Amino acid sequence: VTLAIIPGAGGTQRLPRLIGRARAKELILTGRRIGADEAAR
C-alpha cells in the first residue's frame, strides 16, 4: 500500500489465515514493517 497497490500474490489471503484477520489488516493497511521477534510473537 505504500506503493499505492495491494498484495497481489496471496498476501491478503494467507496472512489473515495465519495470524488472524485483525492483525493482518493492521499490517497490510499500514504497510508496517516488523522485526523477527514481533513476527514470532
PDB file of all heavy atoms in Angstrom:
ATOM      1  N   VAL A   1       0.820  -1.216   0.000  1.00  0.00           N
ATOM      2  CA  VAL A   1       0.000   0.000   0.000  1.00  0.00           C
ATOM      3  C   VAL A   1       0.852   1.263   0.000  1.00  0.00           C
ATOM      4  O   VAL A   1       0.390   2.322  -0.431  1.00  0.00           O
ATOM      5  CB  VAL A   1      -0.985   0.022   1.190  1.00  0.00           C
ATOM      6  CG1 VAL A   1      -2.021  -1.081   1.058  1.00  0.00           C
ATOM      7  CG2 VAL A   1      -0.264  -0.034   2.527  1.00  0.00           C
ATOM      8  N   THR A   2       2.091   1.169   0.445  1.00  0.00           N
ATOM      9  CA  THR A   2       2.974   2.342   0.410  1.00  0.00           C
ATOM     10  C   THR A   2       3.375   2.669  -1.025  1.00  0.00           C
ATOM     11  O   THR A   2       3.884   3.761  -1.289  1.00  0.00           O
ATOM     12  CB  THR A   2       4.246   2.111   1.253  1.00  0.00           C
ATOM     13  OG1 THR A   2       5.051   1.083   0.646  1.00  0.00           O
ATOM     14  CG2 THR A   2       3.882   1.712   2.677  1.00  0.00           C
ATOM     15  N   LEU A   3       3.136   1.733  -1.936  1.00  0.00           N
ATOM     16  CA  LEU A   3       3.396   1.952  -3.357  1.00  0.00           C
ATOM     17  C   LEU A   3       2.089   2.093  -4.134  1.00  0.00           C
ATOM     18  O   LEU A   3       2.056   1.985  -5.364  1.00  0.00           O
ATOM     19  CB  LEU A   3       4.213   0.788  -3.927  1.00  0.00           C
ATOM     20  CG  LEU A   3       5.596   0.582  -3.299  1.00  0.00           C
ATOM     21  CD1 LEU A   3       6.206  -0.725  -3.774  1.00  0.00           C
ATOM     22  CD2 LEU A   3       6.506   1.758  -3.629  1.00  0.00           C
ATOM     23  N   ALA A   4       0.988   2.297  -3.399  1.00  0.00           N
ATOM     24  CA  ALA A   4      -0.337   2.511  -3.985  1.00  0.00           C
ATOM     25  C   ALA A   4      -0.866   1.292  -4.727  1.00  0.00           C
ATOM     26  O   ALA A   4      -1.637   1.418  -5.677  1.00  0.00           O
ATOM     27  CB  ALA A   4      -0.334   3.735  -4.903  1.00  0.00           C
ATOM     28  N   ILE A   5      -0.453   0.087  -4.288  1.00  0.00           N
ATOM     29  CA  ILE A   5      -1.009  -1.163  -4.798  1.00  0.00           C
ATOM     30  C   ILE A   5      -1.382  -2.027  -3.591  1.00  0.00           C
ATOM     31  O   ILE A   5      -1.248  -1.584  -2.452  1.00  0.00           O
ATOM     32  CB  ILE A   5      -0.026  -1.914  -5.728  1.00  0.00           C
ATOM     33  CG1 ILE A   5       1.313  -2.180  -5.010  1.00  0.00           C
ATOM     34  CG2 ILE A   5       0.190  -1.148  -7.022  1.00  0.00           C
ATOM     35  CD1 ILE A   5       2.297  -3.013  -5.819  1.00  0.00           C
ATOM     36  N   ILE A   6      -1.859  -3.235  -3.831  1.00  0.00           N
ATOM     37  CA  ILE A   6      -2.163  -4.143  -2.728  1.00  0.00           C
ATOM     38  C   ILE A   6      -1.377  -5.435  -2.928  1.00  0.00           C
ATOM     39  O   ILE A   6      -0.899  -5.710  -4.033  1.00  0.00           O
ATOM     40  CB  ILE A   6      -3.669  -4.461  -2.628  1.00  0.00           C
ATOM     41  CG1 ILE A   6      -4.116  -5.391  -3.773  1.00  0.00           C
ATOM     42  CG2 ILE A   6      -4.495  -3.181  -2.609  1.00  0.00           C
ATOM     43  CD1 ILE A   6      -5.506  -5.974  -3.578  1.00  0.00           C
ATOM     44  N   PRO A   7      -1.215  -6.243  -1.868  1.00  0.00           N
ATOM     45  CA  PRO A   7      -0.591  -7.548  -2.065  1.00  0.00           C
ATOM     46  C   PRO A   7      -1.385  -8.343  -3.101  1.00  0.00           C
ATOM     47  O   PRO A   7      -2.599  -8.505  -2.966  1.00  0.00           O
ATOM     48  CB  PRO A   7      -0.682  -8.197  -0.678  1.00  0.00           C
ATOM     49  CG  PRO A   7      -0.766  -7.041   0.269  1.00  0.00           C
ATOM     50  CD  PRO A   7      -1.565  -6.006  -0.452  1.00  0.00           C
ATOM     51  N   GLY A   8      -0.690  -8.799  -4.130  1.00  0.00           N
ATOM     52  CA  GLY A   8      -1.387  -9.469  -5.228  1.00  0.00           C
ATOM     53  C   GLY A   8      -0.956 -10.895  -5.455  1.00  0.00           C
ATOM     54  O   GLY A   8      -1.335 -11.503  -6.456  1.00  0.00           O
ATOM     55  N   ALA A   9      -0.161 -11.441  -4.534  1.00  0.00           N
ATOM     56  CA  ALA A   9       0.323 -12.813  -4.694  1.00  0.00           C
ATOM     57  C   ALA A   9      -0.035 -13.657  -3.482  1.00  0.00           C
ATOM     58  O   ALA A   9       0.733 -14.496  -3.041  1.00  0.00           O
ATOM     59  CB  ALA A   9       1.829 -12.814  -4.933  1.00  0.00           C
ATOM     60  N   GLY A  10      -1.219 -13.390  -2.929  1.00  0.00           N
ATOM     61  CA  GLY A  10      -1.712 -14.212  -1.834  1.00  0.00           C
ATOM     62  C   GLY A  10      -1.625 -13.599  -0.460  1.00  0.00           C
ATOM     63  O   GLY A  10      -2.125 -14.181   0.510  1.00  0.00           O
ATOM     64  N   GLY A  11      -1.009 -12.442  -0.330  1.00  0.00           N
ATOM     65  CA  GLY A  11      -0.801 -11.857   0.987  1.00  0.00           C
ATOM     66  C   GLY A  11      -2.079 -11.545   1.743  1.00  0.00           C
ATOM     67  O   GLY A  11      -2.164 -11.759   2.957  1.00  0.00           O
ATOM     68  N   THR A  12      -3.098 -11.040   1.035  1.00  0.00           N
ATOM     69  CA  THR A  12      -4.347 -10.692   1.725  1.00  0.00           C
ATOM     70  C   THR A  12      -5.125 -11.930   2.156  1.00  0.00           C
ATOM     71  O   THR A  12      -6.049 -11.820   2.973  1.00  0.00           O
ATOM     72  CB  THR A  12      -5.266  -9.832   0.829  1.00  0.00           C
ATOM     73  OG1 THR A  12      -5.693 -10.614  -0.304  1.00  0.00           O
ATOM     74  CG2 THR A  12      -4.558  -8.569   0.362  1.00  0.00           C
ATOM     75  N   GLN A  13      -4.778 -13.084   1.635  1.00  0.00           N
ATOM     76  CA  GLN A  13      -5.489 -14.312   1.975  1.00  0.00           C
ATOM     77  C   GLN A  13      -4.700 -15.194   2.948  1.00  0.00           C
ATOM     78  O   GLN A  13      -5.259 -15.738   3.903  1.00  0.00           O
ATOM     79  CB  GLN A  13      -5.800 -15.111   0.700  1.00  0.00           C
ATOM     80  CG  GLN A  13      -6.626 -14.330  -0.310  1.00  0.00           C
ATOM     81  CD  GLN A  13      -7.906 -13.783   0.311  1.00  0.00           C
ATOM     82  OE1 GLN A  13      -8.718 -14.541   0.852  1.00  0.00           O
ATOM     83  NE2 GLN A  13      -8.098 -12.464   0.233  1.00  0.00           N
ATOM     84  N   ARG A  14      -3.406 -15.328   2.722  1.00  0.00           N
ATOM     85  CA  ARG A  14      -2.624 -16.230   3.575  1.00  0.00           C
ATOM     86  C   ARG A  14      -2.295 -15.604   4.927  1.00  0.00           C
ATOM     87  O   ARG A  14      -2.275 -16.299   5.940  1.00  0.00           O
ATOM     88  CB  ARG A  14      -1.335 -16.648   2.843  1.00  0.00           C
ATOM     89  CG  ARG A  14      -1.597 -17.551   1.651  1.00  0.00           C
ATOM     90  CD  ARG A  14      -0.324 -18.153   1.064  1.00  0.00           C
ATOM     91  NE  ARG A  14      -0.654 -19.057  -0.044  1.00  0.00           N
ATOM     92  CZ  ARG A  14      -0.580 -18.737  -1.333  1.00  0.00           C
ATOM     93  NH1 ARG A  14      -0.147 -17.527  -1.684  1.00  0.00           N
ATOM     94  NH2 ARG A  14      -0.929 -19.608  -2.256  1.00  0.00           N
ATOM     95  N   LEU A  15      -2.012 -14.299   4.959  1.00  0.00           N
ATOM     96  CA  LEU A  15      -1.633 -13.687   6.234  1.00  0.00           C
ATOM     97  C   LEU A  15      -2.767 -13.758   7.262  1.00  0.00           C
ATOM     98  O   LEU A  15      -2.528 -14.182   8.401  1.00  0.00           O
ATOM     99  CB  LEU A  15      -1.167 -12.245   6.027  1.00  0.00           C
ATOM    100  CG  LEU A  15      -0.612 -11.572   7.289  1.00  0.00           C
ATOM    101  CD1 LEU A  15       0.638 -12.295   7.794  1.00  0.00           C
ATOM    102  CD2 LEU A  15      -0.297 -10.094   7.033  1.00  0.00           C
ATOM    103  N   PRO A  16      -4.011 -13.376   6.938  1.00  0.00           N
ATOM    104  CA  PRO A  16      -5.064 -13.480   7.951  1.00  0.00           C
ATOM    105  C   PRO A  16      -5.351 -14.913   8.378  1.00  0.00           C
ATOM    106  O   PRO A  16      -5.722 -15.154   9.534  1.00  0.00           O
ATOM    107  CB  PRO A  16      -6.287 -12.847   7.273  1.00  0.00           C
ATOM    108  CG  PRO A  16      -5.976 -12.799   5.829  1.00  0.00           C
ATOM    109  CD  PRO A  16      -4.493 -12.688   5.720  1.00  0.00           C
ATOM    110  N   ARG A  17      -5.156 -15.869   7.487  1.00  0.00           N
ATOM    111  CA  ARG A  17      -5.352 -17.264   7.860  1.00  0.00           C
ATOM    112  C   ARG A  17      -4.277 -17.729   8.848  1.00  0.00           C
ATOM    113  O   ARG A  17      -4.504 -18.656   9.621  1.00  0.00           O
ATOM    114  CB  ARG A  17      -5.344 -18.152   6.618  1.00  0.00           C
ATOM    115  CG  ARG A  17      -6.640 -18.114   5.810  1.00  0.00           C
ATOM    116  CD  ARG A  17      -6.476 -18.790   4.455  1.00  0.00           C
ATOM    117  NE  ARG A  17      -7.741 -19.037   3.782  1.00  0.00           N
ATOM    118  CZ  ARG A  17      -8.449 -18.136   3.129  1.00  0.00           C
ATOM    119  NH1 ARG A  17      -8.019 -16.878   3.090  1.00  0.00           N
ATOM    120  NH2 ARG A  17      -9.583 -18.458   2.529  1.00  0.00           N
ATOM    121  N   LEU A  18      -3.135 -17.065   8.802  1.00  0.00           N
ATOM    122  CA  LEU A  18      -2.030 -17.459   9.672  1.00  0.00           C
ATOM    123  C   LEU A  18      -2.063 -16.744  11.018  1.00  0.00           C
ATOM    124  O   LEU A  18      -1.870 -17.369  12.060  1.00  0.00           O
ATOM    125  CB  LEU A  18      -0.691 -17.186   8.965  1.00  0.00           C
ATOM    126  CG  LEU A  18       0.575 -17.629   9.698  1.00  0.00           C
ATOM    127  CD1 LEU A  18       0.605 -19.154   9.831  1.00  0.00           C
ATOM    128  CD2 LEU A  18       1.818 -17.133   8.952  1.00  0.00           C
ATOM    129  N   ILE A  19      -2.310 -15.435  11.010  1.00  0.00           N
ATOM    130  CA  ILE A  19      -2.187 -14.659  12.248  1.00  0.00           C
ATOM    131  C   ILE A  19      -3.499 -14.032  12.705  1.00  0.00           C
ATOM    132  O   ILE A  19      -3.532 -13.364  13.735  1.00  0.00           O
ATOM    133  CB  ILE A  19      -1.110 -13.554  12.120  1.00  0.00           C
ATOM    134  CG1 ILE A  19      -1.520 -12.481  11.111  1.00  0.00           C
ATOM    135  CG2 ILE A  19       0.236 -14.166  11.734  1.00  0.00           C
ATOM    136  CD1 ILE A  19      -0.608 -11.265  11.110  1.00  0.00           C
ATOM    137  N   GLY A  20      -4.568 -14.230  11.960  1.00  0.00           N
ATOM    138  CA  GLY A  20      -5.847 -13.638  12.324  1.00  0.00           C
ATOM    139  C   GLY A  20      -6.150 -12.391  11.504  1.00  0.00           C
ATOM    140  O   GLY A  20      -5.247 -11.670  11.069  1.00  0.00           O
ATOM    141  N   ARG A  21      -7.425 -12.129  11.306  1.00  0.00           N
ATOM    142  CA  ARG A  21      -7.854 -11.061  10.402  1.00  0.00           C
ATOM    143  C   ARG A  21      -7.451  -9.670  10.895  1.00  0.00           C
ATOM    144  O   ARG A  21      -6.950  -8.850  10.120  1.00  0.00           O
ATOM    145  CB  ARG A  21      -9.366 -11.138  10.209  1.00  0.00           C
ATOM    146  CG  ARG A  21      -9.892 -10.186   9.146  1.00  0.00           C
ATOM    147  CD  ARG A  21     -11.398 -10.317   8.970  1.00  0.00           C
ATOM    148  NE  ARG A  21     -11.763 -11.662   8.566  1.00  0.00           N
ATOM    149  CZ  ARG A  21     -13.017 -12.029   8.286  1.00  0.00           C
ATOM    150  NH1 ARG A  21     -14.009 -11.139   8.397  1.00  0.00           N
ATOM    151  NH2 ARG A  21     -13.293 -13.268   7.917  1.00  0.00           N
ATOM    152  N   ALA A  22      -7.650  -9.391  12.175  1.00  0.00           N
ATOM    153  CA  ALA A  22      -7.383  -8.036  12.672  1.00  0.00           C
ATOM    154  C   ALA A  22      -5.900  -7.689  12.593  1.00  0.00           C
ATOM    155  O   ALA A  22      -5.523  -6.603  12.135  1.00  0.00           O
ATOM    156  CB  ALA A  22      -7.891  -7.900  14.105  1.00  0.00           C
ATOM    157  N   ARG A  23      -5.039  -8.600  13.047  1.00  0.00           N
ATOM    158  CA  ARG A  23      -3.599  -8.339  12.972  1.00  0.00           C
ATOM    159  C   ARG A  23      -3.153  -8.198  11.520  1.00  0.00           C
ATOM    160  O   ARG A  23      -2.324  -7.343  11.195  1.00  0.00           O
ATOM    161  CB  ARG A  23      -2.811  -9.467  13.642  1.00  0.00           C
ATOM    162  CG  ARG A  23      -2.873  -9.477  15.161  1.00  0.00           C
ATOM    163  CD  ARG A  23      -1.889 -10.498  15.699  1.00  0.00           C
ATOM    164  NE  ARG A  23      -1.979 -10.658  17.138  1.00  0.00           N
ATOM    165  CZ  ARG A  23      -1.374  -9.877  18.017  1.00  0.00           C
ATOM    166  NH1 ARG A  23      -0.650  -8.854  17.593  1.00  0.00           N
ATOM    167  NH2 ARG A  23      -1.497 -10.094  19.313  1.00  0.00           N
ATOM    168  N   ALA A  24      -3.693  -9.046  10.658  1.00  0.00           N
ATOM    169  CA  ALA A  24      -3.307  -8.988   9.249  1.00  0.00           C
ATOM    170  C   ALA A  24      -3.729  -7.662   8.627  1.00  0.00           C
ATOM    171  O   ALA A  24      -2.959  -7.040   7.880  1.00  0.00           O
ATOM    172  CB  ALA A  24      -3.927 -10.162   8.488  1.00  0.00           C
ATOM    173  N   LYS A  25      -4.937  -7.211   8.940  1.00  0.00           N
ATOM    174  CA  LYS A  25      -5.391  -5.927   8.399  1.00  0.00           C
ATOM    175  C   LYS A  25      -4.483  -4.788   8.856  1.00  0.00           C
ATOM    176  O   LYS A  25      -4.153  -3.890   8.073  1.00  0.00           O
ATOM    177  CB  LYS A  25      -6.828  -5.649   8.832  1.00  0.00           C
ATOM    178  CG  LYS A  25      -7.869  -6.404   8.030  1.00  0.00           C
ATOM    179  CD  LYS A  25      -9.266  -6.007   8.481  1.00  0.00           C
ATOM    180  CE  LYS A  25     -10.332  -6.685   7.640  1.00  0.00           C
ATOM    181  NZ  LYS A  25     -11.696  -6.312   8.081  1.00  0.00           N
ATOM    182  N   GLU A  26      -4.106  -4.820  10.119  1.00  0.00           N
ATOM    183  CA  GLU A  26      -3.233  -3.748  10.626  1.00  0.00           C
ATOM    184  C   GLU A  26      -1.922  -3.700   9.845  1.00  0.00           C
ATOM    185  O   GLU A  26      -1.461  -2.625   9.452  1.00  0.00           O
ATOM    186  CB  GLU A  26      -2.973  -3.960  12.114  1.00  0.00           C
ATOM    187  CG  GLU A  26      -2.245  -2.811  12.803  1.00  0.00           C
ATOM    188  CD  GLU A  26      -0.729  -2.983  12.820  1.00  0.00           C
ATOM    189  OE1 GLU A  26      -0.270  -4.137  12.881  1.00  0.00           O
ATOM    190  OE2 GLU A  26      -0.016  -1.959  12.745  1.00  0.00           O
ATOM    191  N   LEU A  27      -1.327  -4.859   9.607  1.00  0.00           N
ATOM    192  CA  LEU A  27      -0.062  -4.886   8.890  1.00  0.00           C
ATOM    193  C   LEU A  27      -0.230  -4.519   7.420  1.00  0.00           C
ATOM    194  O   LEU A  27       0.573  -3.770   6.848  1.00  0.00           O
ATOM    195  CB  LEU A  27       0.582  -6.278   9.008  1.00  0.00           C
ATOM    196  CG  LEU A  27       1.090  -6.657  10.397  1.00  0.00           C
ATOM    197  CD1 LEU A  27       1.648  -8.075  10.381  1.00  0.00           C
ATOM    198  CD2 LEU A  27       2.156  -5.675  10.878  1.00  0.00           C
ATOM    199  N   ILE A  28      -1.282  -5.024   6.794  1.00  0.00           N
ATOM    200  CA  ILE A  28      -1.492  -4.767   5.364  1.00  0.00           C
ATOM    201  C   ILE A  28      -1.892  -3.320   5.110  1.00  0.00           C
ATOM    202  O   ILE A  28      -1.384  -2.669   4.188  1.00  0.00           O
ATOM    203  CB  ILE A  28      -2.553  -5.732   4.797  1.00  0.00           C
ATOM    204  CG1 ILE A  28      -2.012  -7.170   4.786  1.00  0.00           C
ATOM    205  CG2 ILE A  28      -2.977  -5.318   3.390  1.00  0.00           C
ATOM    206  CD1 ILE A  28      -3.053  -8.224   4.499  1.00  0.00           C
ATOM    207  N   LEU A  29      -2.794  -2.777   5.930  1.00  0.00           N
ATOM    208  CA  LEU A  29      -3.322  -1.435   5.679  1.00  0.00           C
ATOM    209  C   LEU A  29      -2.341  -0.333   6.045  1.00  0.00           C
ATOM    210  O   LEU A  29      -2.409   0.773   5.488  1.00  0.00           O
ATOM    211  CB  LEU A  29      -4.633  -1.248   6.428  1.00  0.00           C
ATOM    212  CG  LEU A  29      -5.762  -2.223   6.039  1.00  0.00           C
ATOM    213  CD1 LEU A  29      -7.022  -1.935   6.844  1.00  0.00           C
ATOM    214  CD2 LEU A  29      -6.037  -2.174   4.549  1.00  0.00           C
ATOM    215  N   THR A  30      -1.433  -0.614   6.975  1.00  0.00           N
ATOM    216  CA  THR A  30      -0.409   0.386   7.314  1.00  0.00           C
ATOM    217  C   THR A  30       0.861   0.199   6.494  1.00  0.00           C
ATOM    218  O   THR A  30       1.644   1.144   6.350  1.00  0.00           O
ATOM    219  CB  THR A  30      -0.028   0.300   8.807  1.00  0.00           C
ATOM    220  OG1 THR A  30       0.552  -0.978   9.070  1.00  0.00           O
ATOM    221  CG2 THR A  30      -1.241   0.530   9.694  1.00  0.00           C
ATOM    222  N   GLY A  31       1.072  -1.004   5.968  1.00  0.00           N
ATOM    223  CA  GLY A  31       2.326  -1.296   5.283  1.00  0.00           C
ATOM    224  C   GLY A  31       3.493  -1.354   6.248  1.00  0.00           C
ATOM    225  O   GLY A  31       4.651  -1.239   5.859  1.00  0.00           O
ATOM    226  N   ARG A  32       3.194  -1.570   7.537  1.00  0.00           N
ATOM    227  CA  ARG A  32       4.218  -1.526   8.572  1.00  0.00           C
ATOM    228  C   ARG A  32       5.190  -2.695   8.463  1.00  0.00           C
ATOM    229  O   ARG A  32       4.803  -3.820   8.161  1.00  0.00           O
ATOM    230  CB  ARG A  32       3.557  -1.527   9.965  1.00  0.00           C
ATOM    231  CG  ARG A  32       4.504  -1.325  11.127  1.00  0.00           C
ATOM    232  CD  ARG A  32       3.742  -1.002  12.401  1.00  0.00           C
ATOM    233  NE  ARG A  32       2.935  -2.108  12.888  1.00  0.00           N
ATOM    234  CZ  ARG A  32       3.396  -3.070  13.689  1.00  0.00           C
ATOM    235  NH1 ARG A  32       4.669  -3.066  14.078  1.00  0.00           N
ATOM    236  NH2 ARG A  32       2.603  -4.041  14.099  1.00  0.00           N
ATOM    237  N   ARG A  33       6.443  -2.421   8.743  1.00  0.00           N
ATOM    238  CA  ARG A  33       7.479  -3.441   8.761  1.00  0.00           C
ATOM    239  C   ARG A  33       7.736  -3.872  10.197  1.00  0.00           C
ATOM    240  O   ARG A  33       7.760  -3.037  11.096  1.00  0.00           O
ATOM    241  CB  ARG A  33       8.772  -2.895   8.138  1.00  0.00           C
ATOM    242  CG  ARG A  33       8.573  -2.368   6.724  1.00  0.00           C
ATOM    243  CD  ARG A  33       9.817  -1.703   6.164  1.00  0.00           C
ATOM    244  NE  ARG A  33       9.589  -1.191   4.820  1.00  0.00           N
ATOM    245  CZ  ARG A  33      10.545  -0.745   4.013  1.00  0.00           C
ATOM    246  NH1 ARG A  33      11.810  -0.737   4.443  1.00  0.00           N
ATOM    247  NH2 ARG A  33      10.260  -0.308   2.807  1.00  0.00           N
ATOM    248  N   ILE A  34       7.920  -5.172  10.393  1.00  0.00           N
ATOM    249  CA  ILE A  34       8.126  -5.672  11.750  1.00  0.00           C
ATOM    250  C   ILE A  34       9.404  -6.507  11.812  1.00  0.00           C
ATOM    251  O   ILE A  34       9.825  -7.105  10.827  1.00  0.00           O
ATOM    252  CB  ILE A  34       6.927  -6.503  12.244  1.00  0.00           C
ATOM    253  CG1 ILE A  34       6.727  -7.748  11.370  1.00  0.00           C
ATOM    254  CG2 ILE A  34       5.667  -5.656  12.269  1.00  0.00           C
ATOM    255  CD1 ILE A  34       5.655  -8.684  11.902  1.00  0.00           C
ATOM    256  N   GLY A  35      10.010  -6.522  12.987  1.00  0.00           N
ATOM    257  CA  GLY A  35      11.209  -7.312  13.198  1.00  0.00           C
ATOM    258  C   GLY A  35      10.887  -8.766  13.463  1.00  0.00           C
ATOM    259  O   GLY A  35       9.735  -9.162  13.639  1.00  0.00           O
ATOM    260  N   ALA A  36      11.936  -9.574  13.513  1.00  0.00           N
ATOM    261  CA  ALA A  36      11.772 -11.013  13.672  1.00  0.00           C
ATOM    262  C   ALA A  36      11.089 -11.371  14.989  1.00  0.00           C
ATOM    263  O   ALA A  36      10.240 -12.270  15.029  1.00  0.00           O
ATOM    264  CB  ALA A  36      13.137 -11.700  13.583  1.00  0.00           C
ATOM    265  N   ASP A  37      11.423 -10.678  16.064  1.00  0.00           N
ATOM    266  CA  ASP A  37      10.832 -11.016  17.365  1.00  0.00           C
ATOM    267  C   ASP A  37       9.329 -10.758  17.377  1.00  0.00           C
ATOM    268  O   ASP A  37       8.556 -11.570  17.899  1.00  0.00           O
ATOM    269  CB  ASP A  37      11.516 -10.236  18.484  1.00  0.00           C
ATOM    270  CG  ASP A  37      12.926 -10.737  18.763  1.00  0.00           C
ATOM    271  OD1 ASP A  37      13.215 -11.899  18.424  1.00  0.00           O
ATOM    272  OD2 ASP A  37      13.736  -9.959  19.312  1.00  0.00           O
ATOM    273  N   GLU A  38       8.897  -9.633  16.805  1.00  0.00           N
ATOM    274  CA  GLU A  38       7.460  -9.367  16.736  1.00  0.00           C
ATOM    275  C   GLU A  38       6.777 -10.374  15.820  1.00  0.00           C
ATOM    276  O   GLU A  38       5.674 -10.848  16.107  1.00  0.00           O
ATOM    277  CB  GLU A  38       7.180  -7.943  16.248  1.00  0.00           C
ATOM    278  CG  GLU A  38       5.686  -7.635  16.210  1.00  0.00           C
ATOM    279  CD  GLU A  38       5.358  -6.193  15.837  1.00  0.00           C
ATOM    280  OE1 GLU A  38       6.299  -5.391  15.670  1.00  0.00           O
ATOM    281  OE2 GLU A  38       4.154  -5.878  15.702  1.00  0.00           O
ATOM    282  N   ALA A  39       7.449 -10.716  14.713  1.00  0.00           N
ATOM    283  CA  ALA A  39       6.887 -11.713  13.798  1.00  0.00           C
ATOM    284  C   ALA A  39       6.665 -13.040  14.513  1.00  0.00           C
ATOM    285  O   ALA A  39       5.653 -13.716  14.307  1.00  0.00           O
ATOM    286  CB  ALA A  39       7.805 -11.905  12.592  1.00  0.00           C
ATOM    287  N   ALA A  40       7.598 -13.422  15.387  1.00  0.00           N
ATOM    288  CA  ALA A  40       7.446 -14.655  16.153  1.00  0.00           C
ATOM    289  C   ALA A  40       6.315 -14.527  17.169  1.00  0.00           C
ATOM    290  O   ALA A  40       5.541 -15.464  17.387  1.00  0.00           O
ATOM    291  CB  ALA A  40       8.752 -15.007  16.850  1.00  0.00           C
ATOM    292  N   ARG A  41       6.209 -13.361  17.777  1.00  0.00           N
ATOM    293  CA  ARG A  41       5.194 -13.159  18.819  1.00  0.00           C
ATOM    294  C   ARG A  41       3.783 -13.279  18.259  1.00  0.00           C
ATOM    295  O   ARG A  41       2.877 -13.792  18.930  1.00  0.00           O
ATOM    296  CB  ARG A  41       5.394 -11.792  19.473  1.00  0.00           C
ATOM    297  CG  ARG A  41       4.510 -11.572  20.692  1.00  0.00           C
ATOM    298  CD  ARG A  41       4.938 -10.346  21.478  1.00  0.00           C
ATOM    299  NE  ARG A  41       4.770  -9.099  20.740  1.00  0.00           N
ATOM    300  CZ  ARG A  41       5.747  -8.364  20.248  1.00  0.00           C
ATOM    301  NH1 ARG A  41       7.011  -8.760  20.408  1.00  0.00           N
ATOM    302  NH2 ARG A  41       5.506  -7.243  19.599  1.00  0.00           N
TER     303      ARG A  41
END
